[in-house]
Amino acid sequence: MRKGFLLVGLLALGGCLEDAAPKPAAKADDGAMARVRTAAEERVRGVARDANTLRFRAVETYRQAMADTYAVCGQATVAGDAVYIPFVSVVSQRNGATEVEQFIGRSNVEATRVYVELVGRCFEGGGPVQRAGGTTVSAPTPPLPNGLPVLDQVQPVPPATPDLVTAASNAAPANAAAGTVVMRQNGNVRTSPGGGGAVLRVARSGTVMNVFGTAPGGWFQVGETEPEGWVHSSVAARQSSAALASVQ
C-alpha cells in the first residue's frame, strides 16, 4: 500500500513537471515582460537622486485587462538613501512604441496616488477594462486607509511667525526719555547743539519736553515721544523728580 502511494505521488510530480516545461509562447511572453520591466526601471532611474546607487526590490510585472498594457510594481531607493519608496509604472506597447506612466510615492499626495494604483493594478488582469464599444471602464476607487492624506486634504503649513508682542515687550526702547525740561522763556529748538544748528521751531515759555540726551555746553536733546531737536539750558531748566511729582 505504501509503495502504491509513493508511485501515485511520483506520477503526479511527473505530470506537474511536464506541465511546467517551458513552451515557446511562454518564453516569448517572458521576454516581453522583461522588456516592460526594463523600461519601467529605466524611467525610475531617470528620476532617482543617484542613479548609480539606486536599488530595487519586490518588483513584479502584471498583465493588465487592456491589451498590450502592463503594471510594474515595486520599491526603489529613489531618494538616494536606504529608504525604499513604492512605485507603480503603467507600461503600454502600441505600434512599436513603449509608453510609461510613472507613479512614485515621494510625497504624501504622491503616496496616495501610488496606493490607488497599486490596489487597482498590481495583479493579473488589473486596471481599466475596455468594452466592445471602445469605452474604458475603470474599477471603483478603493477606500483609502485611515490617516493617508488625499489631495484636497493637504494644506500648506503656514510659516512660523515670531511673537511680535513678546519681542516688543522684552526689547528696551531705543529712545527712552531721561527726565524733562521746562522752558523758562521762549527759546529756539535747533537741529544740533552748539548754537550753529538750524532753528526748527520756537518753544514757548512754560512748555515741558522730555529729555533724550545731553551735549557739552548745557544742551538738552528734547522732544515729545522721540528726539526732536536741541535747546540750551539758558532758556530751559531741567526738572527734578520731586518738582515733577508736585506738579502732577
C-alpha atoms as a PDB file:
ATOM      1  CA  MET A   1       0.000   0.000   0.000  1.00  0.00           C
ATOM      2  CA  ARG A   2       2.781   2.414   0.918  1.00  0.00           C
ATOM      3  CA  LYS A   3       4.531   1.635  -2.348  1.00  0.00           C
ATOM      4  CA  GLY A   4       1.324   2.422  -4.238  1.00  0.00           C
ATOM      5  CA  PHE A   5       1.046   5.852  -2.612  1.00  0.00           C
ATOM      6  CA  LEU A   6       4.666   6.613  -3.500  1.00  0.00           C
ATOM      7  CA  LEU A   7       4.055   5.618  -7.103  1.00  0.00           C
ATOM      8  CA  VAL A   8       0.982   7.832  -7.340  1.00  0.00           C
ATOM      9  CA  GLY A   9       2.965  10.719  -5.873  1.00  0.00           C
ATOM     10  CA  LEU A  10       5.784  10.293  -8.354  1.00  0.00           C
ATOM     11  CA  LEU A  11       3.344  10.161 -11.262  1.00  0.00           C
ATOM     12  CA  ALA A  12       1.657  13.328 -10.057  1.00  0.00           C
ATOM     13  CA  LEU A  13       5.012  15.053  -9.670  1.00  0.00           C
ATOM     14  CA  GLY A  14       5.983  13.952 -13.145  1.00  0.00           C
ATOM     15  CA  GLY A  15       2.772  15.405 -14.519  1.00  0.00           C
ATOM     16  CA  CYS A  16       3.465  18.721 -12.789  1.00  0.00           C
ATOM     17  CA  LEU A  17       6.995  18.849 -14.153  1.00  0.00           C
ATOM     18  CA  GLU A  18       5.702  18.069 -17.617  1.00  0.00           C
ATOM     19  CA  ASP A  19       3.089  20.834 -17.379  1.00  0.00           C
ATOM     20  CA  ALA A  20       5.731  23.246 -16.113  1.00  0.00           C
ATOM     21  CA  ALA A  21       8.015  22.633 -19.054  1.00  0.00           C
ATOM     22  CA  PRO A  22       8.684  25.914 -20.906  1.00  0.00           C
ATOM     23  CA  LYS A  23       6.725  26.499 -24.068  1.00  0.00           C
ATOM     24  CA  PRO A  24       7.676  28.837 -26.928  1.00  0.00           C
ATOM     25  CA  ALA A  25       4.697  31.140 -26.260  1.00  0.00           C
ATOM     26  CA  ALA A  26       5.597  31.335 -22.587  1.00  0.00           C
ATOM     27  CA  LYS A  27       9.193  32.224 -23.469  1.00  0.00           C
ATOM     28  CA  ALA A  28       8.030  34.996 -25.802  1.00  0.00           C
ATOM     29  CA  ASP A  29       5.717  36.385 -23.139  1.00  0.00           C
ATOM     30  CA  ASP A  30       8.509  36.286 -20.574  1.00  0.00           C
ATOM     31  CA  GLY A  31      10.690  38.244 -22.979  1.00  0.00           C
ATOM     32  CA  ALA A  32       8.018  40.909 -23.423  1.00  0.00           C
ATOM     33  CA  MET A  33       7.521  41.241 -19.672  1.00  0.00           C
ATOM     34  CA  ALA A  34      11.279  41.508 -19.165  1.00  0.00           C
ATOM     35  CA  ARG A  35      11.407  44.385 -21.667  1.00  0.00           C
ATOM     36  CA  VAL A  36       8.485  46.043 -19.915  1.00  0.00           C
ATOM     37  CA  ARG A  37      10.222  45.782 -16.555  1.00  0.00           C
ATOM     38  CA  THR A  38      13.428  47.205 -18.003  1.00  0.00           C
ATOM     39  CA  ALA A  39      11.536  50.184 -19.443  1.00  0.00           C
ATOM     40  CA  ALA A  40       9.862  50.858 -16.095  1.00  0.00           C
ATOM     41  CA  GLU A  41      13.112  50.616 -14.138  1.00  0.00           C
ATOM     42  CA  GLU A  42      14.851  52.956 -16.576  1.00  0.00           C
ATOM     43  CA  ARG A  43      12.113  55.525 -16.045  1.00  0.00           C
ATOM     44  CA  VAL A  44      12.535  55.221 -12.265  1.00  0.00           C
ATOM     45  CA  ARG A  45      16.285  55.539 -12.689  1.00  0.00           C
ATOM     46  CA  GLY A  46      15.762  58.777 -14.603  1.00  0.00           C
ATOM     47  CA  VAL A  47      14.141  60.499 -11.602  1.00  0.00           C
ATOM     48  CA  ALA A  48      16.352  58.973  -8.896  1.00  0.00           C
ATOM     49  CA  ARG A  49      18.604  61.268  -6.908  1.00  0.00           C
ATOM     50  CA  ASP A  50      21.595  58.985  -7.501  1.00  0.00           C
ATOM     51  CA  ALA A  51      21.134  56.551 -10.381  1.00  0.00           C
ATOM     52  CA  ASN A  52      24.433  54.803  -9.613  1.00  0.00           C
ATOM     53  CA  THR A  53      23.350  53.662  -6.141  1.00  0.00           C
ATOM     54  CA  LEU A  54      19.669  53.062  -6.995  1.00  0.00           C
ATOM     55  CA  ARG A  55      18.374  49.714  -5.746  1.00  0.00           C
ATOM     56  CA  PHE A  56      15.126  47.868  -6.452  1.00  0.00           C
ATOM     57  CA  ARG A  57      13.259  45.243  -4.517  1.00  0.00           C
ATOM     58  CA  ALA A  58       9.968  43.306  -4.699  1.00  0.00           C
ATOM     59  CA  VAL A  59       9.468  44.241  -8.369  1.00  0.00           C
ATOM     60  CA  GLU A  60       6.643  42.356 -10.108  1.00  0.00           C
ATOM     61  CA  THR A  61       5.087  42.728 -13.565  1.00  0.00           C
ATOM     62  CA  TYR A  62       1.370  42.125 -14.191  1.00  0.00           C
ATOM     63  CA  ARG A  63      -0.624  41.943 -17.427  1.00  0.00           C
ATOM     64  CA  GLN A  64      -3.495  44.398 -17.409  1.00  0.00           C
ATOM     65  CA  ALA A  65      -7.037  43.980 -18.681  1.00  0.00           C
ATOM     66  CA  MET A  66      -6.313  46.277 -21.620  1.00  0.00           C
ATOM     67  CA  ALA A  67      -4.263  44.704 -24.385  1.00  0.00           C
ATOM     68  CA  ASP A  68      -0.508  45.350 -24.502  1.00  0.00           C
ATOM     69  CA  THR A  69      -0.590  47.069 -21.125  1.00  0.00           C
ATOM     70  CA  TYR A  70       1.398  46.051 -18.052  1.00  0.00           C
ATOM     71  CA  ALA A  71       1.809  47.281 -14.495  1.00  0.00           C
ATOM     72  CA  VAL A  72       5.275  47.126 -12.939  1.00  0.00           C
ATOM     73  CA  CYS A  73       5.018  47.404  -9.160  1.00  0.00           C
ATOM     74  CA  GLY A  74       7.873  47.552  -6.672  1.00  0.00           C
ATOM     75  CA  GLN A  75      10.070  49.678  -4.435  1.00  0.00           C
ATOM     76  CA  ALA A  76      13.242  51.668  -5.108  1.00  0.00           C
ATOM     77  CA  THR A  77      15.665  53.926  -3.261  1.00  0.00           C
ATOM     78  CA  VAL A  78      14.872  56.967  -5.423  1.00  0.00           C
ATOM     79  CA  ALA A  79      15.701  59.442  -2.632  1.00  0.00           C
ATOM     80  CA  GLY A  80      19.330  58.335  -2.549  1.00  0.00           C
ATOM     81  CA  ASP A  81      19.243  56.777   0.922  1.00  0.00           C
ATOM     82  CA  ALA A  82      18.314  53.394   2.373  1.00  0.00           C
ATOM     83  CA  VAL A  83      14.558  54.050   2.300  1.00  0.00           C
ATOM     84  CA  TYR A  84      12.650  52.047  -0.306  1.00  0.00           C
ATOM     85  CA  ILE A  85       9.817  54.082  -1.842  1.00  0.00           C
ATOM     86  CA  PRO A  86       6.931  52.277  -3.577  1.00  0.00           C
ATOM     87  CA  PHE A  87       6.233  52.898  -7.251  1.00  0.00           C
ATOM     88  CA  VAL A  88       3.809  51.748  -9.943  1.00  0.00           C
ATOM     89  CA  SER A  89       4.714  52.031 -13.634  1.00  0.00           C
ATOM     90  CA  VAL A  90       1.998  51.530 -16.252  1.00  0.00           C
ATOM     91  CA  VAL A  91       3.709  50.422 -19.473  1.00  0.00           C
ATOM     92  CA  SER A  92       1.843  50.343 -22.786  1.00  0.00           C
ATOM     93  CA  GLN A  93       3.239  48.896 -26.008  1.00  0.00           C
ATOM     94  CA  ARG A  94       1.397  50.061 -29.106  1.00  0.00           C
ATOM     95  CA  ASN A  95       2.535  50.372 -32.717  1.00  0.00           C
ATOM     96  CA  GLY A  96       6.085  49.506 -31.747  1.00  0.00           C
ATOM     97  CA  ALA A  97       6.332  52.340 -29.207  1.00  0.00           C
ATOM     98  CA  THR A  98       6.634  51.960 -25.430  1.00  0.00           C
ATOM     99  CA  GLU A  99       4.880  54.466 -23.181  1.00  0.00           C
ATOM    100  CA  VAL A 100       5.457  54.590 -19.413  1.00  0.00           C
ATOM    101  CA  GLU A 101       3.193  56.365 -16.935  1.00  0.00           C
ATOM    102  CA  GLN A 102       5.023  56.644 -13.627  1.00  0.00           C
ATOM    103  CA  PHE A 103       3.727  56.933 -10.055  1.00  0.00           C
ATOM    104  CA  ILE A 104       6.280  57.236  -7.212  1.00  0.00           C
ATOM    105  CA  GLY A 105       5.371  57.902  -3.575  1.00  0.00           C
ATOM    106  CA  ARG A 106       7.885  60.650  -2.874  1.00  0.00           C
ATOM    107  CA  SER A 107       5.367  62.838  -1.020  1.00  0.00           C
ATOM    108  CA  ASN A 108       2.124  62.363   0.883  1.00  0.00           C
ATOM    109  CA  VAL A 109      -0.015  63.227  -2.126  1.00  0.00           C
ATOM    110  CA  GLU A 110       2.027  61.006  -4.461  1.00  0.00           C
ATOM    111  CA  ALA A 111       1.874  58.158  -1.932  1.00  0.00           C
ATOM    112  CA  THR A 112      -1.924  58.402  -2.021  1.00  0.00           C
ATOM    113  CA  ARG A 113      -1.921  58.016  -5.818  1.00  0.00           C
ATOM    114  CA  VAL A 114       0.548  55.119  -5.645  1.00  0.00           C
ATOM    115  CA  TYR A 115      -1.723  53.350  -3.167  1.00  0.00           C
ATOM    116  CA  VAL A 116      -4.718  53.731  -5.501  1.00  0.00           C
ATOM    117  CA  GLU A 117      -2.730  52.465  -8.497  1.00  0.00           C
ATOM    118  CA  LEU A 118      -1.249  49.593  -6.506  1.00  0.00           C
ATOM    119  CA  VAL A 119      -4.638  48.330  -5.343  1.00  0.00           C
ATOM    120  CA  GLY A 120      -6.214  48.794  -8.769  1.00  0.00           C
ATOM    121  CA  ARG A 121      -3.425  47.470 -10.997  1.00  0.00           C
ATOM    122  CA  CYS A 122      -0.896  45.259  -9.229  1.00  0.00           C
ATOM    123  CA  PHE A 123      -2.497  41.907 -10.089  1.00  0.00           C
ATOM    124  CA  GLU A 124      -3.152  39.896 -13.240  1.00  0.00           C
ATOM    125  CA  GLY A 125      -5.937  41.483 -15.301  1.00  0.00           C
ATOM    126  CA  GLY A 126      -5.914  44.708 -13.317  1.00  0.00           C
ATOM    127  CA  GLY A 127      -6.567  48.245 -14.440  1.00  0.00           C
ATOM    128  CA  PRO A 128      -9.380  49.689 -16.564  1.00  0.00           C
ATOM    129  CA  VAL A 129     -11.359  47.411 -18.887  1.00  0.00           C
ATOM    130  CA  GLN A 130     -12.067  48.362 -22.490  1.00  0.00           C
ATOM    131  CA  ARG A 131     -15.531  47.371 -23.652  1.00  0.00           C
ATOM    132  CA  ALA A 132     -16.515  46.298 -27.125  1.00  0.00           C
ATOM    133  CA  GLY A 133     -17.735  49.784 -27.997  1.00  0.00           C
ATOM    134  CA  GLY A 134     -14.299  51.229 -27.234  1.00  0.00           C
ATOM    135  CA  THR A 135     -15.258  52.859 -23.942  1.00  0.00           C
ATOM    136  CA  THR A 136     -12.928  52.377 -20.984  1.00  0.00           C
ATOM    137  CA  VAL A 137     -14.377  51.425 -17.624  1.00  0.00           C
ATOM    138  CA  SER A 138     -12.255  51.870 -14.503  1.00  0.00           C
ATOM    139  CA  ALA A 139     -12.755  49.938 -11.319  1.00  0.00           C
ATOM    140  CA  PRO A 140     -14.179  51.892  -8.348  1.00  0.00           C
ATOM    141  CA  THR A 141     -11.536  53.733  -6.357  1.00  0.00           C
ATOM    142  CA  PRO A 142     -10.629  51.637  -3.310  1.00  0.00           C
ATOM    143  CA  PRO A 143     -11.165  53.184   0.119  1.00  0.00           C
ATOM    144  CA  LEU A 144      -8.065  54.876   1.454  1.00  0.00           C
ATOM    145  CA  PRO A 145      -6.624  53.599   4.728  1.00  0.00           C
ATOM    146  CA  ASN A 146      -7.061  55.775   7.779  1.00  0.00           C
ATOM    147  CA  GLY A 147      -4.523  58.573   8.058  1.00  0.00           C
ATOM    148  CA  LEU A 148      -3.480  58.514   4.390  1.00  0.00           C
ATOM    149  CA  PRO A 149      -3.935  62.065   3.027  1.00  0.00           C
ATOM    150  CA  VAL A 150      -5.826  62.772  -0.163  1.00  0.00           C
ATOM    151  CA  LEU A 151      -5.174  65.681  -2.485  1.00  0.00           C
ATOM    152  CA  ASP A 152      -7.850  68.064  -1.182  1.00  0.00           C
ATOM    153  CA  GLN A 153      -6.871  67.421   2.424  1.00  0.00           C
ATOM    154  CA  VAL A 154      -3.257  68.507   2.072  1.00  0.00           C
ATOM    155  CA  GLN A 155      -2.930  72.141   3.071  1.00  0.00           C
ATOM    156  CA  PRO A 156       0.325  74.101   3.068  1.00  0.00           C
ATOM    157  CA  VAL A 157       1.688  74.725   6.520  1.00  0.00           C
ATOM    158  CA  PRO A 158       1.822  78.479   7.217  1.00  0.00           C
ATOM    159  CA  PRO A 159       5.304  79.765   8.010  1.00  0.00           C
ATOM    160  CA  ALA A 160       6.083  80.308  11.654  1.00  0.00           C
ATOM    161  CA  THR A 161       5.828  83.958  12.685  1.00  0.00           C
ATOM    162  CA  PRO A 162       7.722  85.416  15.626  1.00  0.00           C
ATOM    163  CA  ASP A 163       5.807  86.543  18.667  1.00  0.00           C
ATOM    164  CA  LEU A 164       5.971  90.267  17.973  1.00  0.00           C
ATOM    165  CA  VAL A 165       4.224  91.225  21.205  1.00  0.00           C
ATOM    166  CA  THR A 166       6.724  89.315  23.312  1.00  0.00           C
ATOM    167  CA  ALA A 167       9.674  90.632  21.331  1.00  0.00           C
ATOM    168  CA  ALA A 168       8.492  94.221  21.678  1.00  0.00           C
ATOM    169  CA  SER A 169       7.865  93.892  25.395  1.00  0.00           C
ATOM    170  CA  ASN A 170      11.275  92.363  26.049  1.00  0.00           C
ATOM    171  CA  ALA A 171      13.225  94.872  23.943  1.00  0.00           C
ATOM    172  CA  ALA A 172      14.380  98.082  25.603  1.00  0.00           C
ATOM    173  CA  PRO A 173      13.025 101.248  23.984  1.00  0.00           C
ATOM    174  CA  ALA A 174      15.521 102.759  21.572  1.00  0.00           C
ATOM    175  CA  ASN A 175      14.855 106.365  22.682  1.00  0.00           C
ATOM    176  CA  ALA A 176      13.962 106.282  26.362  1.00  0.00           C
ATOM    177  CA  ALA A 177      13.412 109.700  27.939  1.00  0.00           C
ATOM    178  CA  ALA A 178      15.661 110.675  30.866  1.00  0.00           C
ATOM    179  CA  GLY A 179      13.680 113.347  32.674  1.00  0.00           C
ATOM    180  CA  THR A 180      12.097 116.594  31.470  1.00  0.00           C
ATOM    181  CA  VAL A 181      12.873 120.268  30.974  1.00  0.00           C
ATOM    182  CA  VAL A 182      10.575 123.292  31.218  1.00  0.00           C
ATOM    183  CA  MET A 183      11.098 126.363  29.069  1.00  0.00           C
ATOM    184  CA  ARG A 184      11.881 129.448  31.177  1.00  0.00           C
ATOM    185  CA  GLN A 185      11.169 131.707  28.226  1.00  0.00           C
ATOM    186  CA  ASN A 186      10.586 131.398  24.529  1.00  0.00           C
ATOM    187  CA  GLY A 187      13.546 129.543  23.024  1.00  0.00           C
ATOM    188  CA  ASN A 188      14.759 128.045  19.782  1.00  0.00           C
ATOM    189  CA  VAL A 189      14.702 124.292  19.163  1.00  0.00           C
ATOM    190  CA  ARG A 190      17.712 123.624  16.915  1.00  0.00           C
ATOM    191  CA  THR A 191      18.791 120.676  14.719  1.00  0.00           C
ATOM    192  CA  SER A 192      22.125 120.302  16.556  1.00  0.00           C
ATOM    193  CA  PRO A 193      23.821 121.538  19.728  1.00  0.00           C
ATOM    194  CA  GLY A 194      26.447 124.281  19.819  1.00  0.00           C
ATOM    195  CA  GLY A 195      24.343 127.200  18.609  1.00  0.00           C
ATOM    196  CA  GLY A 196      25.070 126.642  14.902  1.00  0.00           C
ATOM    197  CA  GLY A 197      22.156 124.322  14.145  1.00  0.00           C
ATOM    198  CA  ALA A 198      19.180 125.462  12.097  1.00  0.00           C
ATOM    199  CA  VAL A 199      16.117 126.572  14.057  1.00  0.00           C
ATOM    200  CA  LEU A 200      13.291 124.040  13.809  1.00  0.00           C
ATOM    201  CA  ARG A 201      10.746 125.974  15.804  1.00  0.00           C
ATOM    202  CA  VAL A 202      10.303 128.219  18.846  1.00  0.00           C
ATOM    203  CA  ALA A 203       9.234 126.555  22.094  1.00  0.00           C
ATOM    204  CA  ARG A 204       7.063 128.874  24.173  1.00  0.00           C
ATOM    205  CA  SER A 205       7.684 129.674  27.835  1.00  0.00           C
ATOM    206  CA  GLY A 206       6.341 127.007  30.199  1.00  0.00           C
ATOM    207  CA  THR A 207       6.489 124.181  27.646  1.00  0.00           C
ATOM    208  CA  VAL A 208       7.547 120.866  29.195  1.00  0.00           C
ATOM    209  CA  MET A 209       9.521 118.453  26.997  1.00  0.00           C
ATOM    210  CA  ASN A 210      11.196 115.091  27.542  1.00  0.00           C
ATOM    211  CA  VAL A 211      14.984 114.895  27.613  1.00  0.00           C
ATOM    212  CA  PHE A 212      16.562 112.193  25.418  1.00  0.00           C
ATOM    213  CA  GLY A 213      20.187 113.229  25.688  1.00  0.00           C
ATOM    214  CA  THR A 214      22.692 115.947  26.597  1.00  0.00           C
ATOM    215  CA  ALA A 215      25.692 117.597  24.981  1.00  0.00           C
ATOM    216  CA  PRO A 216      28.598 119.611  26.421  1.00  0.00           C
ATOM    217  CA  GLY A 217      27.895 123.310  26.943  1.00  0.00           C
ATOM    218  CA  GLY A 218      24.496 122.878  28.596  1.00  0.00           C
ATOM    219  CA  TRP A 219      22.487 121.444  25.672  1.00  0.00           C
ATOM    220  CA  PHE A 220      19.447 119.177  26.006  1.00  0.00           C
ATOM    221  CA  GLN A 221      18.097 116.914  23.299  1.00  0.00           C
ATOM    222  CA  VAL A 222      14.326 117.259  23.677  1.00  0.00           C
ATOM    223  CA  GLY A 223      11.057 116.098  22.155  1.00  0.00           C
ATOM    224  CA  GLU A 224       7.661 114.622  22.934  1.00  0.00           C
ATOM    225  CA  THR A 225       7.842 110.864  22.223  1.00  0.00           C
ATOM    226  CA  GLU A 226      11.147 110.903  20.324  1.00  0.00           C
ATOM    227  CA  PRO A 227      14.091 113.274  19.917  1.00  0.00           C
ATOM    228  CA  GLU A 228      13.100 116.418  18.004  1.00  0.00           C
ATOM    229  CA  GLY A 229      15.922 118.903  18.475  1.00  0.00           C
ATOM    230  CA  TRP A 230      18.196 120.732  20.932  1.00  0.00           C
ATOM    231  CA  VAL A 231      17.595 123.574  23.401  1.00  0.00           C
ATOM    232  CA  HIS A 232      20.090 125.410  25.622  1.00  0.00           C
ATOM    233  CA  SER A 233      19.980 125.434  29.408  1.00  0.00           C
ATOM    234  CA  SER A 234      19.893 129.246  29.335  1.00  0.00           C
ATOM    235  CA  VAL A 235      16.268 129.075  28.176  1.00  0.00           C
ATOM    236  CA  ALA A 236      15.264 125.676  29.653  1.00  0.00           C
ATOM    237  CA  ALA A 237      15.588 124.242  33.150  1.00  0.00           C
ATOM    238  CA  ARG A 238      15.757 120.560  33.919  1.00  0.00           C
ATOM    239  CA  GLN A 239      13.029 119.458  36.336  1.00  0.00           C
ATOM    240  CA  SER A 240      13.767 117.293  39.347  1.00  0.00           C
ATOM    241  CA  SER A 241      11.668 114.228  40.170  1.00  0.00           C
ATOM    242  CA  ALA A 242      10.266 115.966  43.283  1.00  0.00           C
ATOM    243  CA  ALA A 243       9.222 119.032  41.311  1.00  0.00           C
ATOM    244  CA  LEU A 244       7.604 116.879  38.655  1.00  0.00           C
ATOM    245  CA  ALA A 245       5.704 114.916  41.295  1.00  0.00           C
ATOM    246  CA  SER A 246       4.413 118.116  42.910  1.00  0.00           C
ATOM    247  CA  VAL A 247       3.181 119.384  39.549  1.00  0.00           C
ATOM    248  CA  GLN A 248       1.345 116.087  38.902  1.00  0.00           C
END
